[in-house]
Amino acid sequence: MIDHLRERYGPLLFHQSGGCCDGSAPLCYEEGDFRVGTSDARLGELHGCPFYMAHDQFEYSEHMQLTIDVEEGRGASFSLGIPLGVRFVIRSRLFSDDEYARLAPVAQASS
């Protein structure tokens, strides 16, 4: 799905703001259509696309392994998959103590 969206829209980025409902889902944007704030943490890349999370949401998630998936269904957001009938979802599990000890620091975004 990411390859399809990138072919259609160009470079992409993912952001998860937190909160309830669609705020708890990772959203896919065209790079440049979403302004990443200085309080957003860059967690890494998702299939070559930067993935950011709001810092307050990251505080809840920093002890978890996050897996981003795509499934059929419509969310009520501005994510690029919505017109195609898909949405991105996040699945999580707690890290073991050993896994958590080996994690690299997360970088803050710069605007």
PDB file of N, CA and C in Angstrom:
ATOM      1  N   MET A   1       0.819  -1.184   0.000  1.00  0.00           N
ATOM      2  CA  MET A   1       0.000   0.000   0.000  1.00  0.00           C
ATOM      3  C   MET A   1       0.875   1.264   0.000  1.00  0.00           C
ATOM      4  N   ILE A   2       1.949   1.234   0.783  1.00  0.00           N
ATOM      5  CA  ILE A   2       2.819   2.409   0.823  1.00  0.00           C
ATOM      6  C   ILE A   2       3.441   2.660  -0.548  1.00  0.00           C
ATOM      7  N   ASP A   3       3.876   1.603  -1.228  1.00  0.00           N
ATOM      8  CA  ASP A   3       4.421   1.774  -2.580  1.00  0.00           C
ATOM      9  C   ASP A   3       3.380   2.390  -3.508  1.00  0.00           C
ATOM     10  N   HIS A   4       2.148   1.914  -3.416  1.00  0.00           N
ATOM     11  CA  HIS A   4       1.070   2.449  -4.252  1.00  0.00           C
ATOM     12  C   HIS A   4       0.844   3.934  -3.961  1.00  0.00           C
ATOM     13  N   LEU A   5       0.786   4.294  -2.687  1.00  0.00           N
ATOM     14  CA  LEU A   5       0.575   5.692  -2.317  1.00  0.00           C
ATOM     15  C   LEU A   5       1.751   6.565  -2.727  1.00  0.00           C
ATOM     16  N   ARG A   6       2.960   6.051  -2.573  1.00  0.00           N
ATOM     17  CA  ARG A   6       4.147   6.825  -2.950  1.00  0.00           C
ATOM     18  C   ARG A   6       4.171   7.044  -4.460  1.00  0.00           C
ATOM     19  N   GLU A   7       3.771   6.033  -5.227  1.00  0.00           N
ATOM     20  CA  GLU A   7       3.715   6.176  -6.691  1.00  0.00           C
ATOM     21  C   GLU A   7       2.701   7.248  -7.080  1.00  0.00           C
ATOM     22  N   ARG A   8       1.614   7.299  -6.362  1.00  0.00           N
ATOM     23  CA  ARG A   8       0.532   8.246  -6.683  1.00  0.00           C
ATOM     24  C   ARG A   8       0.813   9.665  -6.188  1.00  0.00           C
ATOM     25  N   TYR A   9       1.433   9.791  -4.983  1.00  0.00           N
ATOM     26  CA  TYR A   9       1.572  11.104  -4.354  1.00  0.00           C
ATOM     27  C   TYR A   9       3.007  11.593  -4.197  1.00  0.00           C
ATOM     28  N   GLY A  10       3.988  10.728  -4.385  1.00  0.00           N
ATOM     29  CA  GLY A  10       5.374  11.136  -4.156  1.00  0.00           C
ATOM     30  C   GLY A  10       5.801  10.800  -2.729  1.00  0.00           C
ATOM     31  N   PRO A  11       6.828  11.496  -2.225  1.00  0.00           N
ATOM     32  CA  PRO A  11       7.330  11.206  -0.879  1.00  0.00           C
ATOM     33  C   PRO A  11       6.238  11.358   0.191  1.00  0.00           C
ATOM     34  N   LEU A  12       6.258  10.446   1.161  1.00  0.00           N
ATOM     35  CA  LEU A  12       5.233  10.388   2.200  1.00  0.00           C
ATOM     36  C   LEU A  12       5.856  10.503   3.578  1.00  0.00           C
ATOM     37  N   LEU A  13       5.003  10.816   4.561  1.00  0.00           N
ATOM     38  CA  LEU A  13       5.392  10.705   5.960  1.00  0.00           C
ATOM     39  C   LEU A  13       4.202  10.208   6.757  1.00  0.00           C
ATOM     40  N   PHE A  14       4.498   9.590   7.883  1.00  0.00           N
ATOM     41  CA  PHE A  14       3.469   9.095   8.789  1.00  0.00           C
ATOM     42  C   PHE A  14       3.559   9.856  10.099  1.00  0.00           C
ATOM     43  N   HIS A  15       2.396  10.099  10.687  1.00  0.00           N
ATOM     44  CA  HIS A  15       2.333  10.784  11.977  1.00  0.00           C
ATOM     45  C   HIS A  15       1.206  10.184  12.808  1.00  0.00           C
ATOM     46  N   GLN A  16       1.478  10.031  14.084  1.00  0.00           N
ATOM     47  CA  GLN A  16       0.444   9.596  15.023  1.00  0.00           C
ATOM     48  C   GLN A  16       0.375  10.631  16.127  1.00  0.00           C
ATOM     49  N   SER A  17      -0.799  11.254  16.272  1.00  0.00           N
ATOM     50  CA  SER A  17      -0.928  12.352  17.224  1.00  0.00           C
ATOM     51  C   SER A  17      -1.336  11.909  18.608  1.00  0.00           C
ATOM     52  N   GLY A  18      -2.019  10.811  18.727  1.00  0.00           N
ATOM     53  CA  GLY A  18      -2.516  10.373  20.029  1.00  0.00           C
ATOM     54  C   GLY A  18      -3.962  10.769  20.199  1.00  0.00           C
ATOM     55  N   GLY A  19      -4.476  10.526  21.365  1.00  0.00           N
ATOM     56  CA  GLY A  19      -5.874  10.833  21.620  1.00  0.00           C
ATOM     57  C   GLY A  19      -6.737   9.627  21.339  1.00  0.00           C
ATOM     58  N   CYS A  20      -7.992   9.881  21.100  1.00  0.00           N
ATOM     59  CA  CYS A  20      -8.917   8.775  20.857  1.00  0.00           C
ATOM     60  C   CYS A  20      -9.316   8.739  19.390  1.00  0.00           C
ATOM     61  N   CYS A  21     -10.030   7.718  19.032  1.00  0.00           N
ATOM     62  CA  CYS A  21     -10.587   7.554  17.681  1.00  0.00           C
ATOM     63  C   CYS A  21      -9.484   7.632  16.640  1.00  0.00           C
ATOM     64  N   ASP A  22      -9.639   8.472  15.611  1.00  0.00           N
ATOM     65  CA  ASP A  22      -8.631   8.548  14.556  1.00  0.00           C
ATOM     66  C   ASP A  22      -7.318   9.147  15.034  1.00  0.00           C
ATOM     67  N   GLY A  23      -7.330   9.871  16.155  1.00  0.00           N
ATOM     68  CA  GLY A  23      -6.087  10.409  16.696  1.00  0.00           C
ATOM     69  C   GLY A  23      -5.140   9.329  17.167  1.00  0.00           C
ATOM     70  N   SER A  24      -5.659   8.141  17.401  1.00  0.00           N
ATOM     71  CA  SER A  24      -4.799   7.050  17.848  1.00  0.00           C
ATOM     72  C   SER A  24      -4.314   6.200  16.681  1.00  0.00           C
ATOM     73  N   ALA A  25      -4.645   6.576  15.471  1.00  0.00           N
ATOM     74  CA  ALA A  25      -4.222   5.837  14.278  1.00  0.00           C
ATOM     75  C   ALA A  25      -3.076   6.575  13.589  1.00  0.00           C
ATOM     76  N   PRO A  26      -2.123   5.846  13.020  1.00  0.00           N
ATOM     77  CA  PRO A  26      -1.079   6.504  12.243  1.00  0.00           C
ATOM     78  C   PRO A  26      -1.673   7.018  10.932  1.00  0.00           C
ATOM     79  N   LEU A  27      -1.393   8.257  10.609  1.00  0.00           N
ATOM     80  CA  LEU A  27      -1.929   8.874   9.396  1.00  0.00           C
ATOM     81  C   LEU A  27      -0.807   9.068   8.391  1.00  0.00           C
ATOM     82  N   CYS A  28      -1.126   8.857   7.125  1.00  0.00           N
ATOM     83  CA  CYS A  28      -0.170   8.983   6.027  1.00  0.00           C
ATOM     84  C   CYS A  28      -0.467  10.273   5.272  1.00  0.00           C
ATOM     85  N   TYR A  29       0.573  11.084   5.082  1.00  0.00           N
ATOM     86  CA  TYR A  29       0.449  12.365   4.392  1.00  0.00           C
ATOM     87  C   TYR A  29       1.486  12.468   3.284  1.00  0.00           C
ATOM     88  N   GLU A  30       1.202  13.327   2.315  1.00  0.00           N
ATOM     89  CA  GLU A  30       2.241  13.702   1.370  1.00  0.00           C
ATOM     90  C   GLU A  30       3.266  14.505   2.146  1.00  0.00           C
ATOM     91  N   GLU A  31       4.548  14.230   1.894  1.00  0.00           N
ATOM     92  CA  GLU A  31       5.582  15.008   2.570  1.00  0.00           C
ATOM     93  C   GLU A  31       5.367  16.487   2.232  1.00  0.00           C
ATOM     94  N   GLY A  32       5.343  17.338   3.230  1.00  0.00           N
ATOM     95  CA  GLY A  32       5.099  18.757   3.034  1.00  0.00           C
ATOM     96  C   GLY A  32       3.663  19.161   3.330  1.00  0.00           C
ATOM     97  N   ASP A  33       2.724  18.214   3.357  1.00  0.00           N
ATOM     98  CA  ASP A  33       1.328  18.530   3.664  1.00  0.00           C
ATOM     99  C   ASP A  33       1.024  18.483   5.153  1.00  0.00           C
ATOM    100  N   PHE A  34       1.970  18.010   5.947  1.00  0.00           N
ATOM    101  CA  PHE A  34       1.801  17.978   7.395  1.00  0.00           C
ATOM    102  C   PHE A  34       3.038  18.596   8.012  1.00  0.00           C
ATOM    103  N   ARG A  35       2.822  19.561   8.857  1.00  0.00           N
ATOM    104  CA  ARG A  35       3.954  20.227   9.510  1.00  0.00           C
ATOM    105  C   ARG A  35       4.304  19.484  10.801  1.00  0.00           C
ATOM    106  N   VAL A  36       5.483  18.903  10.817  1.00  0.00           N
ATOM    107  CA  VAL A  36       5.965  18.193  11.993  1.00  0.00           C
ATOM    108  C   VAL A  36       6.423  19.242  12.998  1.00  0.00           C
ATOM    109  N   GLY A  37       5.970  19.093  14.239  1.00  0.00           N
ATOM    110  CA  GLY A  37       6.315  20.059  15.277  1.00  0.00           C
ATOM    111  C   GLY A  37       7.547  19.651  16.062  1.00  0.00           C
ATOM    112  N   THR A  38       8.102  20.607  16.802  1.00  0.00           N
ATOM    113  CA  THR A  38       9.303  20.337  17.589  1.00  0.00           C
ATOM    114  C   THR A  38       9.017  19.376  18.737  1.00  0.00           C
ATOM    115  N   SER A  39       7.755  19.189  19.107  1.00  0.00           N
ATOM    116  CA  SER A  39       7.429  18.238  20.171  1.00  0.00           C
ATOM    117  C   SER A  39       7.150  16.834  19.627  1.00  0.00           C
ATOM    118  N   ASP A  40       7.256  16.647  18.312  1.00  0.00           N
ATOM    119  CA  ASP A  40       7.071  15.325  17.721  1.00  0.00           C
ATOM    120  C   ASP A  40       8.379  14.546  17.762  1.00  0.00           C
ATOM    121  N   ALA A  41       8.285  13.267  18.062  1.00  0.00           N
ATOM    122  CA  ALA A  41       9.448  12.383  18.089  1.00  0.00           C
ATOM    123  C   ALA A  41       9.500  11.589  16.791  1.00  0.00           C
ATOM    124  N   ARG A  42      10.668  11.530  16.180  1.00  0.00           N
ATOM    125  CA  ARG A  42      10.852  10.692  14.991  1.00  0.00           C
ATOM    126  C   ARG A  42      11.267   9.308  15.473  1.00  0.00           C
ATOM    127  N   LEU A  43      10.374   8.339  15.261  1.00  0.00           N
ATOM    128  CA  LEU A  43      10.631   6.990  15.747  1.00  0.00           C
ATOM    129  C   LEU A  43      11.462   6.167  14.778  1.00  0.00           C
ATOM    130  N   GLY A  44      11.488   6.569  13.530  1.00  0.00           N
ATOM    131  CA  GLY A  44      12.235   5.818  12.524  1.00  0.00           C
ATOM    132  C   GLY A  44      11.558   5.959  11.189  1.00  0.00           C
ATOM    133  N   GLU A  45      11.646   4.909  10.380  1.00  0.00           N
ATOM    134  CA  GLU A  45      11.033   4.915   9.055  1.00  0.00           C
ATOM    135  C   GLU A  45      10.087   3.743   8.921  1.00  0.00           C
ATOM    136  N   LEU A  46       9.074   3.962   8.123  1.00  0.00           N
ATOM    137  CA  LEU A  46       8.097   2.937   7.793  1.00  0.00           C
ATOM    138  C   LEU A  46       8.166   2.744   6.288  1.00  0.00           C
ATOM    139  N   HIS A  47       8.824   1.677   5.867  1.00  0.00           N
ATOM    140  CA  HIS A  47       9.012   1.372   4.442  1.00  0.00           C
ATOM    141  C   HIS A  47       9.568   2.588   3.690  1.00  0.00           C
ATOM    142  N   GLY A  48      10.610   3.196   4.280  1.00  0.00           N
ATOM    143  CA  GLY A  48      11.277   4.322   3.647  1.00  0.00           C
ATOM    144  C   GLY A  48      10.647   5.677   3.899  1.00  0.00           C
ATOM    145  N   CYS A  49       9.594   5.736   4.694  1.00  0.00           N
ATOM    146  CA  CYS A  49       8.903   7.000   4.995  1.00  0.00           C
ATOM    147  C   CYS A  49       9.134   7.348   6.464  1.00  0.00           C
ATOM    148  N   PRO A  50       9.471   8.613   6.775  1.00  0.00           N
ATOM    149  CA  PRO A  50       9.652   8.971   8.170  1.00  0.00           C
ATOM    150  C   PRO A  50       8.361   8.765   8.969  1.00  0.00           C
ATOM    151  N   PHE A  51       8.519   8.303  10.213  1.00  0.00           N
ATOM    152  CA  PHE A  51       7.381   8.069  11.094  1.00  0.00           C
ATOM    153  C   PHE A  51       7.569   8.878  12.372  1.00  0.00           C
ATOM    154  N   TYR A  52       6.616   9.782  12.630  1.00  0.00           N
ATOM    155  CA  TYR A  52       6.655  10.670  13.789  1.00  0.00           C
ATOM    156  C   TYR A  52       5.478  10.370  14.708  1.00  0.00           C
ATOM    157  N   MET A  53       5.694  10.683  15.985  1.00  0.00           N
ATOM    158  CA  MET A  53       4.623  10.535  16.963  1.00  0.00           C
ATOM    159  C   MET A  53       4.682  11.739  17.898  1.00  0.00           C
ATOM    160  N   ALA A  54       3.506  12.260  18.254  1.00  0.00           N
ATOM    161  CA  ALA A  54       3.446  13.348  19.217  1.00  0.00           C
ATOM    162  C   ALA A  54       4.128  12.910  20.501  1.00  0.00           C
ATOM    163  N   HIS A  55       4.890  13.808  21.112  1.00  0.00           N
ATOM    164  CA  HIS A  55       5.682  13.450  22.284  1.00  0.00           C
ATOM    165  C   HIS A  55       4.827  12.878  23.416  1.00  0.00           C
ATOM    166  N   ASP A  56       3.661  13.468  23.668  1.00  0.00           N
ATOM    167  CA  ASP A  56       2.828  12.945  24.758  1.00  0.00           C
ATOM    168  C   ASP A  56       2.340  11.531  24.453  1.00  0.00           C
ATOM    169  N   GLN A  57       2.066  11.242  23.190  1.00  0.00           N
ATOM    170  CA  GLN A  57       1.688   9.878  22.808  1.00  0.00           C
ATOM    171  C   GLN A  57       2.883   8.936  22.946  1.00  0.00           C
ATOM    172  N   PHE A  58       4.062   9.436  22.576  1.00  0.00           N
ATOM    173  CA  PHE A  58       5.273   8.623  22.701  1.00  0.00           C
ATOM    174  C   PHE A  58       5.528   8.237  24.155  1.00  0.00           C
ATOM    175  N   GLU A  59       5.246   9.134  25.088  1.00  0.00           N
ATOM    176  CA  GLU A  59       5.449   8.815  26.507  1.00  0.00           C
ATOM    177  C   GLU A  59       4.628   7.594  26.923  1.00  0.00           C
ATOM    178  N   TYR A  60       3.444   7.427  26.336  1.00  0.00           N
ATOM    179  CA  TYR A  60       2.627   6.245  26.616  1.00  0.00           C
ATOM    180  C   TYR A  60       3.145   5.006  25.895  1.00  0.00           C
ATOM    181  N   SER A  61       3.806   5.205  24.760  1.00  0.00           N
ATOM    182  CA  SER A  61       4.177   4.087  23.885  1.00  0.00           C
ATOM    183  C   SER A  61       5.630   3.667  23.975  1.00  0.00           C
ATOM    184  N   GLU A  62       6.469   4.407  24.697  1.00  0.00           N
ATOM    185  CA  GLU A  62       7.906   4.143  24.640  1.00  0.00           C
ATOM    186  C   GLU A  62       8.308   2.777  25.182  1.00  0.00           C
ATOM    187  N   HIS A  63       7.449   2.121  25.913  1.00  0.00           N
ATOM    188  CA  HIS A  63       7.754   0.793  26.446  1.00  0.00           C
ATOM    189  C   HIS A  63       7.148  -0.322  25.589  1.00  0.00           C
ATOM    190  N   MET A  64       6.700   0.041  24.380  1.00  0.00           N
ATOM    191  CA  MET A  64       6.005  -0.925  23.533  1.00  0.00           C
ATOM    192  C   MET A  64       6.646  -1.051  22.159  1.00  0.00           C
ATOM    193  N   GLN A  65       6.561  -2.259  21.629  1.00  0.00           N
ATOM    194  CA  GLN A  65       6.915  -2.475  20.228  1.00  0.00           C
ATOM    195  C   GLN A  65       5.671  -2.125  19.426  1.00  0.00           C
ATOM    196  N   LEU A  66       5.833  -1.243  18.442  1.00  0.00           N
ATOM    197  CA  LEU A  66       4.708  -0.812  17.613  1.00  0.00           C
ATOM    198  C   LEU A  66       4.817  -1.445  16.237  1.00  0.00           C
ATOM    199  N   THR A  67       3.734  -1.992  15.768  1.00  0.00           N
ATOM    200  CA  THR A  67       3.659  -2.557  14.426  1.00  0.00           C
ATOM    201  C   THR A  67       2.572  -1.805  13.681  1.00  0.00           C
ATOM    202  N   ILE A  68       2.936  -1.228  12.540  1.00  0.00           N
ATOM    203  CA  ILE A  68       1.968  -0.508  11.718  1.00  0.00           C
ATOM    204  C   ILE A  68       1.460  -1.477  10.663  1.00  0.00           C
ATOM    205  N   ASP A  69       0.153  -1.524  10.508  1.00  0.00           N
ATOM    206  CA  ASP A  69      -0.471  -2.424   9.551  1.00  0.00           C
ATOM    207  C   ASP A  69      -1.490  -1.627   8.758  1.00  0.00           C
ATOM    208  N   VAL A  70      -2.002  -2.225   7.719  1.00  0.00           N
ATOM    209  CA  VAL A  70      -3.054  -1.605   6.916  1.00  0.00           C
ATOM    210  C   VAL A  70      -4.200  -2.608   6.835  1.00  0.00           C
ATOM    211  N   GLU A  71      -5.416  -2.096   6.912  1.00  0.00           N
ATOM    212  CA  GLU A  71      -6.589  -2.964   6.818  1.00  0.00           C
ATOM    213  C   GLU A  71      -7.689  -2.243   6.060  1.00  0.00           C
ATOM    214  N   GLU A  72      -8.609  -3.039   5.533  1.00  0.00           N
ATOM    215  CA  GLU A  72      -9.758  -2.450   4.845  1.00  0.00           C
ATOM    216  C   GLU A  72     -10.632  -1.726   5.852  1.00  0.00           C
ATOM    217  N   GLY A  73     -11.196  -0.635   5.423  1.00  0.00           N
ATOM    218  CA  GLY A  73     -12.085   0.131   6.286  1.00  0.00           C
ATOM    219  C   GLY A  73     -11.833   1.612   6.121  1.00  0.00           C
ATOM    220  N   ARG A  74     -12.800   2.382   6.517  1.00  0.00           N
ATOM    221  CA  ARG A  74     -12.680   3.826   6.403  1.00  0.00           C
ATOM    222  C   ARG A  74     -12.532   4.437   7.790  1.00  0.00           C
ATOM    223  N   GLY A  75     -11.555   5.299   7.910  1.00  0.00           N
ATOM    224  CA  GLY A  75     -11.427   6.125   9.092  1.00  0.00           C
ATOM    225  C   GLY A  75     -11.938   7.506   8.737  1.00  0.00           C
ATOM    226  N   ALA A  76     -12.106   8.330   9.710  1.00  0.00           N
ATOM    227  CA  ALA A  76     -12.583   9.701   9.467  1.00  0.00           C
ATOM    228  C   ALA A  76     -11.411  10.653   9.606  1.00  0.00           C
ATOM    229  N   SER A  77     -10.443  10.544   8.708  1.00  0.00           N
ATOM    230  CA  SER A  77      -9.238  11.364   8.815  1.00  0.00           C
ATOM    231  C   SER A  77      -8.796  11.842   7.441  1.00  0.00           C
ATOM    232  N   PHE A  78      -7.654  12.491   7.437  1.00  0.00           N
ATOM    233  CA  PHE A  78      -7.076  12.993   6.191  1.00  0.00           C
ATOM    234  C   PHE A  78      -5.984  12.076   5.662  1.00  0.00           C
ATOM    235  N   SER A  79      -5.872  10.883   6.186  1.00  0.00           N
ATOM    236  CA  SER A  79      -4.850   9.948   5.744  1.00  0.00           C
ATOM    237  C   SER A  79      -5.074   9.586   4.273  1.00  0.00           C
ATOM    238  N   LEU A  80      -3.987   9.441   3.528  1.00  0.00           N
ATOM    239  CA  LEU A  80      -4.085   9.216   2.080  1.00  0.00           C
ATOM    240  C   LEU A  80      -4.739   7.895   1.695  1.00  0.00           C
ATOM    241  N   GLY A  81      -4.784   6.928   2.585  1.00  0.00           N
ATOM    242  CA  GLY A  81      -5.403   5.649   2.253  1.00  0.00           C
ATOM    243  C   GLY A  81      -6.921   5.673   2.290  1.00  0.00           C
ATOM    244  N   ILE A  82      -7.506   6.658   2.936  1.00  0.00           N
ATOM    245  CA  ILE A  82      -8.958   6.707   3.128  1.00  0.00           C
ATOM    246  C   ILE A  82      -9.724   6.631   1.810  1.00  0.00           C
ATOM    247  N   PRO A  83      -9.364   7.419   0.781  1.00  0.00           N
ATOM    248  CA  PRO A  83     -10.124   7.321  -0.480  1.00  0.00           C
ATOM    249  C   PRO A  83     -10.024   5.948  -1.151  1.00  0.00           C
ATOM    250  N   LEU A  84      -9.009   5.163  -0.770  1.00  0.00           N
ATOM    251  CA  LEU A  84      -8.829   3.835  -1.346  1.00  0.00           C
ATOM    252  C   LEU A  84      -9.512   2.747  -0.513  1.00  0.00           C
ATOM    253  N   GLY A  85     -10.179   3.166   0.570  1.00  0.00           N
ATOM    254  CA  GLY A  85     -10.899   2.205   1.401  1.00  0.00           C
ATOM    255  C   GLY A  85     -10.026   1.448   2.380  1.00  0.00           C
ATOM    256  N   VAL A  86      -8.853   1.997   2.704  1.00  0.00           N
ATOM    257  CA  VAL A  86      -7.974   1.367   3.685  1.00  0.00           C
ATOM    258  C   VAL A  86      -7.573   2.381   4.744  1.00  0.00           C
ATOM    259  N   ARG A  87      -7.167   1.850   5.880  1.00  0.00           N
ATOM    260  CA  ARG A  87      -6.664   2.705   6.949  1.00  0.00           C
ATOM    261  C   ARG A  87      -5.459   2.019   7.568  1.00  0.00           C
ATOM    262  N   PHE A  88      -4.583   2.826   8.109  1.00  0.00           N
ATOM    263  CA  PHE A  88      -3.425   2.306   8.820  1.00  0.00           C
ATOM    264  C   PHE A  88      -3.809   2.153  10.283  1.00  0.00           C
ATOM    265  N   VAL A  89      -3.332   1.093  10.889  1.00  0.00           N
ATOM    266  CA  VAL A  89      -3.612   0.813  12.298  1.00  0.00           C
ATOM    267  C   VAL A  89      -2.295   0.499  12.990  1.00  0.00           C
ATOM    268  N   ILE A  90      -2.308   0.657  14.289  1.00  0.00           N
ATOM    269  CA  ILE A  90      -1.120   0.347  15.076  1.00  0.00           C
ATOM    270  C   ILE A  90      -1.450  -0.776  16.036  1.00  0.00           C
ATOM    271  N   ARG A  91      -0.541  -1.721  16.129  1.00  0.00           N
ATOM    272  CA  ARG A  91      -0.679  -2.820  17.074  1.00  0.00           C
ATOM    273  C   ARG A  91       0.541  -2.741  17.995  1.00  0.00           C
ATOM    274  N   SER A  92       0.373  -3.097  19.242  1.00  0.00           N
ATOM    275  CA  SER A  92       1.485  -2.929  20.175  1.00  0.00           C
ATOM    276  C   SER A  92       1.577  -4.080  21.158  1.00  0.00           C
ATOM    277  N   ARG A  93       2.774  -4.229  21.701  1.00  0.00           N
ATOM    278  CA  ARG A  93       3.023  -5.164  22.803  1.00  0.00           C
ATOM    279  C   ARG A  93       4.145  -4.564  23.635  1.00  0.00           C
ATOM    280  N   LEU A  94       4.167  -4.879  24.905  1.00  0.00           N
ATOM    281  CA  LEU A  94       5.220  -4.384  25.788  1.00  0.00           C
ATOM    282  C   LEU A  94       6.550  -5.026  25.440  1.00  0.00           C
ATOM    283  N   PHE A  95       7.634  -4.229  25.492  1.00  0.00           N
ATOM    284  CA  PHE A  95       8.976  -4.771  25.347  1.00  0.00           C
ATOM    285  C   PHE A  95       9.328  -5.571  26.592  1.00  0.00           C
ATOM    286  N   SER A  96      10.146  -6.577  26.411  1.00  0.00           N
ATOM    287  CA  SER A  96      10.733  -7.253  27.573  1.00  0.00           C
ATOM    288  C   SER A  96      11.784  -6.298  28.157  1.00  0.00           C
ATOM    289  N   ASP A  97      12.214  -6.542  29.372  1.00  0.00           N
ATOM    290  CA  ASP A  97      13.244  -5.690  29.993  1.00  0.00           C
ATOM    291  C   ASP A  97      14.513  -5.691  29.155  1.00  0.00           C
ATOM    292  N   ASP A  98      14.897  -6.842  28.625  1.00  0.00           N
ATOM    293  CA  ASP A  98      16.098  -6.944  27.806  1.00  0.00           C
ATOM    294  C   ASP A  98      15.952  -6.135  26.511  1.00  0.00           C
ATOM    295  N   GLU A  99      14.809  -6.240  25.848  1.00  0.00           N
ATOM    296  CA  GLU A  99      14.573  -5.467  24.617  1.00  0.00           C
ATOM    297  C   GLU A  99      14.625  -3.974  24.901  1.00  0.00           C
ATOM    298  N   TYR A 100      13.991  -3.564  25.976  1.00  0.00           N
ATOM    299  CA  TYR A 100      13.941  -2.135  26.309  1.00  0.00           C
ATOM    300  C   TYR A 100      15.342  -1.586  26.587  1.00  0.00           C
ATOM    301  N   ALA A 101      16.178  -2.361  27.239  1.00  0.00           N
ATOM    302  CA  ALA A 101      17.542  -1.931  27.562  1.00  0.00           C
ATOM    303  C   ALA A 101      18.386  -1.721  26.310  1.00  0.00           C
ATOM    304  N   ARG A 102      18.059  -2.382  25.201  1.00  0.00           N
ATOM    305  CA  ARG A 102      18.845  -2.286  23.965  1.00  0.00           C
ATOM    306  C   ARG A 102      18.346  -1.226  22.990  1.00  0.00           C
ATOM    307  N   LEU A 103      17.284  -0.489  23.348  1.00  0.00           N
ATOM    308  CA  LEU A 103      16.728   0.501  22.432  1.00  0.00           C
ATOM    309  C   LEU A 103      17.628   1.710  22.267  1.00  0.00           C
ATOM    310  N   ALA A 104      17.650   2.245  21.052  1.00  0.00           N
ATOM    311  CA  ALA A 104      18.382   3.489  20.772  1.00  0.00           C
ATOM    312  C   ALA A 104      17.501   4.674  21.163  1.00  0.00           C
ATOM    313  N   PRO A 105      18.117   5.799  21.507  1.00  0.00           N
ATOM    314  CA  PRO A 105      17.324   6.991  21.832  1.00  0.00           C
ATOM    315  C   PRO A 105      16.503   7.452  20.639  1.00  0.00           C
ATOM    316  N   VAL A 106      15.379   8.088  20.916  1.00  0.00           N
ATOM    317  CA  VAL A 106      14.494   8.623  19.882  1.00  0.00           C
ATOM    318  C   VAL A 106      14.807  10.102  19.704  1.00  0.00           C
ATOM    319  N   ALA A 107      14.866  10.547  18.451  1.00  0.00           N
ATOM    320  CA  ALA A 107      15.187  11.945  18.140  1.00  0.00           C
ATOM    321  C   ALA A 107      13.937  12.802  18.146  1.00  0.00           C
ATOM    322  N   GLN A 108      14.083  14.032  18.631  1.00  0.00           N
ATOM    323  CA  GLN A 108      12.998  15.007  18.541  1.00  0.00           C
ATOM    324  C   GLN A 108      13.033  15.614  17.135  1.00  0.00           C
ATOM    325  N   ALA A 109      11.874  15.966  16.630  1.00  0.00           N
ATOM    326  CA  ALA A 109      11.778  16.593  15.314  1.00  0.00           C
ATOM    327  C   ALA A 109      12.288  18.024  15.403  1.00  0.00           C
ATOM    328  N   SER A 110      12.738  18.552  14.288  1.00  0.00           N
ATOM    329  CA  SER A 110      13.082  19.963  14.216  1.00  0.00           C
ATOM    330  C   SER A 110      12.228  20.582  13.146  1.00  0.00           C
ATOM    331  N   SER A 111      11.748  21.794  13.405  1.00  0.00           N
ATOM    332  CA  SER A 111      10.856  22.402  12.416  1.00  0.00           C
ATOM    333  C   SER A 111      11.573  23.297  11.471  1.00  0.00           C
TER     334      SER A 111
END
